[in-house]
Amino acid sequence: MLGYDNLMNHFKTNFGLMQHHKYSLAELENMMPWEKAIYVALLANYIKEKEQERRDAELIAQSQSRVKR
């Protein structure tokens, strides 16, 4: 197996990478399993960082609106 929990996760991962991050199916199929795992891990970290930045900005905006009241 390619290190996936199951075949459905494999297809969901490929679909997400193609739809949201513009990888082609050929690019994904030509990656070594470890290479794809690295890209997926890097992408997951990037998404977590962006989400934290969004939360931080939201908290700053909330605190600034409270100060103005």
N, C-alpha and C. Protein backbone atom coordinates (compact mmCIF):
# COMPACT_ATOMS: atom_id res chain seq x y z
N MET A 1 0.85 -1.19 0.00
CA MET A 1 0.00 0.00 0.00
C MET A 1 0.88 1.24 0.00
N LEU A 2 0.33 2.34 -0.41
CA LEU A 2 1.10 3.56 -0.56
C LEU A 2 1.20 4.38 0.73
N GLY A 3 0.93 3.78 1.87
CA GLY A 3 1.00 4.52 3.11
C GLY A 3 -0.27 5.28 3.42
N TYR A 4 -1.36 4.97 2.76
CA TYR A 4 -2.64 5.62 2.99
C TYR A 4 -3.46 4.74 3.92
N ASP A 5 -4.35 5.38 4.70
CA ASP A 5 -5.23 4.61 5.57
C ASP A 5 -6.09 3.66 4.74
N ASN A 6 -6.57 4.17 3.65
CA ASN A 6 -7.36 3.34 2.73
C ASN A 6 -7.39 4.01 1.36
N LEU A 7 -7.94 3.33 0.43
CA LEU A 7 -7.97 3.83 -0.94
C LEU A 7 -8.79 5.11 -1.07
N MET A 8 -9.87 5.22 -0.30
CA MET A 8 -10.70 6.42 -0.37
C MET A 8 -9.91 7.66 0.06
N ASN A 9 -9.08 7.55 1.09
CA ASN A 9 -8.24 8.69 1.51
C ASN A 9 -7.26 9.08 0.40
N HIS A 10 -6.76 8.10 -0.31
CA HIS A 10 -5.86 8.36 -1.44
C HIS A 10 -6.57 9.23 -2.47
N PHE A 11 -7.79 8.86 -2.84
CA PHE A 11 -8.54 9.62 -3.84
C PHE A 11 -8.96 10.98 -3.30
N LYS A 12 -9.35 11.06 -2.04
CA LYS A 12 -9.73 12.35 -1.45
C LYS A 12 -8.53 13.31 -1.43
N THR A 13 -7.36 12.80 -1.09
CA THR A 13 -6.16 13.62 -1.06
C THR A 13 -5.84 14.13 -2.46
N ASN A 14 -5.85 13.24 -3.43
CA ASN A 14 -5.59 13.64 -4.82
C ASN A 14 -6.61 14.68 -5.29
N PHE A 15 -7.87 14.43 -4.99
CA PHE A 15 -8.93 15.36 -5.41
C PHE A 15 -8.70 16.74 -4.79
N GLY A 16 -8.41 16.79 -3.51
CA GLY A 16 -8.16 18.06 -2.84
C GLY A 16 -6.97 18.79 -3.43
N LEU A 17 -5.90 18.06 -3.68
CA LEU A 17 -4.71 18.68 -4.26
C LEU A 17 -4.98 19.20 -5.67
N MET A 18 -5.79 18.48 -6.44
CA MET A 18 -6.10 18.92 -7.80
C MET A 18 -7.07 20.10 -7.80
N GLN A 19 -8.13 20.03 -6.98
CA GLN A 19 -9.16 21.05 -7.01
C GLN A 19 -8.73 22.36 -6.34
N HIS A 20 -8.06 22.25 -5.22
CA HIS A 20 -7.77 23.44 -4.43
C HIS A 20 -6.36 23.96 -4.59
N HIS A 21 -5.45 23.13 -5.07
CA HIS A 21 -4.05 23.55 -5.13
C HIS A 21 -3.44 23.37 -6.51
N LYS A 22 -4.27 23.03 -7.48
CA LYS A 22 -3.93 23.04 -8.90
C LYS A 22 -2.82 22.07 -9.33
N TYR A 23 -2.66 20.97 -8.58
CA TYR A 23 -1.78 19.91 -9.06
C TYR A 23 -2.53 19.15 -10.14
N SER A 24 -1.82 18.61 -11.11
CA SER A 24 -2.47 17.75 -12.10
C SER A 24 -2.38 16.31 -11.60
N LEU A 25 -3.28 15.48 -12.10
CA LEU A 25 -3.25 14.07 -11.72
C LEU A 25 -1.92 13.44 -12.15
N ALA A 26 -1.42 13.83 -13.30
CA ALA A 26 -0.13 13.29 -13.77
C ALA A 26 1.00 13.66 -12.80
N GLU A 27 1.01 14.91 -12.32
CA GLU A 27 2.03 15.32 -11.34
C GLU A 27 1.94 14.47 -10.08
N LEU A 28 0.72 14.25 -9.60
CA LEU A 28 0.55 13.48 -8.37
C LEU A 28 0.95 12.02 -8.57
N GLU A 29 0.57 11.46 -9.70
CA GLU A 29 0.90 10.05 -9.96
C GLU A 29 2.39 9.84 -10.18
N ASN A 30 3.08 10.86 -10.64
CA ASN A 30 4.52 10.74 -10.89
C ASN A 30 5.37 10.99 -9.64
N MET A 31 4.74 11.44 -8.56
CA MET A 31 5.48 11.65 -7.32
C MET A 31 5.77 10.32 -6.64
N MET A 32 6.91 10.27 -5.99
CA MET A 32 7.20 9.12 -5.14
C MET A 32 6.29 9.24 -3.91
N PRO A 33 5.89 8.13 -3.31
CA PRO A 33 4.99 8.22 -2.14
C PRO A 33 5.53 9.13 -1.03
N TRP A 34 6.83 9.04 -0.76
CA TRP A 34 7.41 9.88 0.29
C TRP A 34 7.40 11.35 -0.11
N GLU A 35 7.57 11.63 -1.42
CA GLU A 35 7.56 13.00 -1.91
C GLU A 35 6.17 13.61 -1.74
N LYS A 36 5.15 12.85 -2.09
CA LYS A 36 3.78 13.33 -1.93
C LYS A 36 3.47 13.55 -0.46
N ALA A 37 3.93 12.67 0.40
CA ALA A 37 3.70 12.82 1.84
C ALA A 37 4.33 14.11 2.36
N ILE A 38 5.50 14.45 1.86
CA ILE A 38 6.17 15.69 2.28
C ILE A 38 5.36 16.90 1.83
N TYR A 39 4.91 16.91 0.58
CA TYR A 39 4.12 18.03 0.09
C TYR A 39 2.81 18.17 0.86
N VAL A 40 2.17 17.06 1.16
CA VAL A 40 0.92 17.11 1.92
C VAL A 40 1.18 17.66 3.32
N ALA A 41 2.26 17.22 3.96
CA ALA A 41 2.61 17.72 5.30
C ALA A 41 2.92 19.21 5.26
N LEU A 42 3.68 19.65 4.26
CA LEU A 42 3.98 21.08 4.13
C LEU A 42 2.72 21.90 3.90
N LEU A 43 1.84 21.39 3.09
CA LEU A 43 0.58 22.08 2.83
C LEU A 43 -0.27 22.15 4.09
N ALA A 44 -0.34 21.06 4.85
CA ALA A 44 -1.10 21.06 6.10
C ALA A 44 -0.54 22.09 7.08
N ASN A 45 0.77 22.18 7.18
CA ASN A 45 1.38 23.18 8.05
C ASN A 45 1.07 24.60 7.57
N TYR A 46 1.12 24.82 6.29
CA TYR A 46 0.82 26.13 5.71
C TYR A 46 -0.62 26.53 6.03
N ILE A 47 -1.54 25.60 5.87
CA ILE A 47 -2.95 25.88 6.15
C ILE A 47 -3.14 26.20 7.62
N LYS A 48 -2.48 25.46 8.51
CA LYS A 48 -2.58 25.74 9.95
C LYS A 48 -2.04 27.12 10.28
N GLU A 49 -0.92 27.50 9.68
CA GLU A 49 -0.34 28.83 9.92
C GLU A 49 -1.28 29.93 9.45
N LYS A 50 -1.86 29.76 8.27
CA LYS A 50 -2.78 30.77 7.73
C LYS A 50 -4.03 30.87 8.60
N GLU A 51 -4.51 29.76 9.10
CA GLU A 51 -5.68 29.76 9.98
C GLU A 51 -5.36 30.48 11.28
N GLN A 52 -4.17 30.26 11.83
CA GLN A 52 -3.77 30.95 13.05
C GLN A 52 -3.63 32.45 12.81
N GLU A 53 -3.07 32.83 11.67
CA GLU A 53 -2.97 34.25 11.32
C GLU A 53 -4.35 34.88 11.21
N ARG A 54 -5.30 34.16 10.63
CA ARG A 54 -6.68 34.66 10.51
C ARG A 54 -7.29 34.84 11.89
N ARG A 55 -7.10 33.85 12.78
CA ARG A 55 -7.63 33.96 14.14
C ARG A 55 -7.00 35.14 14.88
N ASP A 56 -5.69 35.30 14.75
CA ASP A 56 -4.99 36.40 15.41
C ASP A 56 -5.52 37.75 14.91
N ALA A 57 -5.71 37.88 13.62
CA ALA A 57 -6.23 39.12 13.05
C ALA A 57 -7.65 39.39 13.55
N GLU A 58 -8.43 38.33 13.66
CA GLU A 58 -9.80 38.47 14.16
C GLU A 58 -9.80 38.94 15.63
N LEU A 59 -8.92 38.38 16.44
CA LEU A 59 -8.82 38.80 17.83
C LEU A 59 -8.37 40.26 17.95
N ILE A 60 -7.43 40.66 17.13
CA ILE A 60 -6.96 42.05 17.13
C ILE A 60 -8.11 42.98 16.74
N ALA A 61 -8.84 42.61 15.71
CA ALA A 61 -9.97 43.43 15.26
C ALA A 61 -11.03 43.53 16.36
N GLN A 62 -11.30 42.42 17.04
CA GLN A 62 -12.29 42.44 18.13
C GLN A 62 -11.82 43.33 19.27
N SER A 63 -10.55 43.23 19.62
CA SER A 63 -10.04 44.03 20.73
C SER A 63 -10.04 45.51 20.37
N GLN A 64 -9.75 45.82 19.13
CA GLN A 64 -9.75 47.22 18.69
C GLN A 64 -11.16 47.79 18.67
N SER A 65 -12.14 46.97 18.29
CA SER A 65 -13.53 47.45 18.27
C SER A 65 -14.04 47.66 19.70
N ARG A 66 -13.57 46.88 20.65
CA ARG A 66 -13.97 47.06 22.05
C ARG A 66 -13.37 48.34 22.61
N VAL A 67 -12.16 48.67 22.22
CA VAL A 67 -11.50 49.87 22.71
C VAL A 67 -12.21 51.12 22.19
N LYS A 68 -12.71 51.07 20.97
CA LYS A 68 -13.37 52.23 20.35
C LYS A 68 -14.72 52.50 20.97
N ARG A 69 -15.33 51.54 21.63
CA ARG A 69 -16.67 51.72 22.22
C ARG A 69 -16.62 52.54 23.41
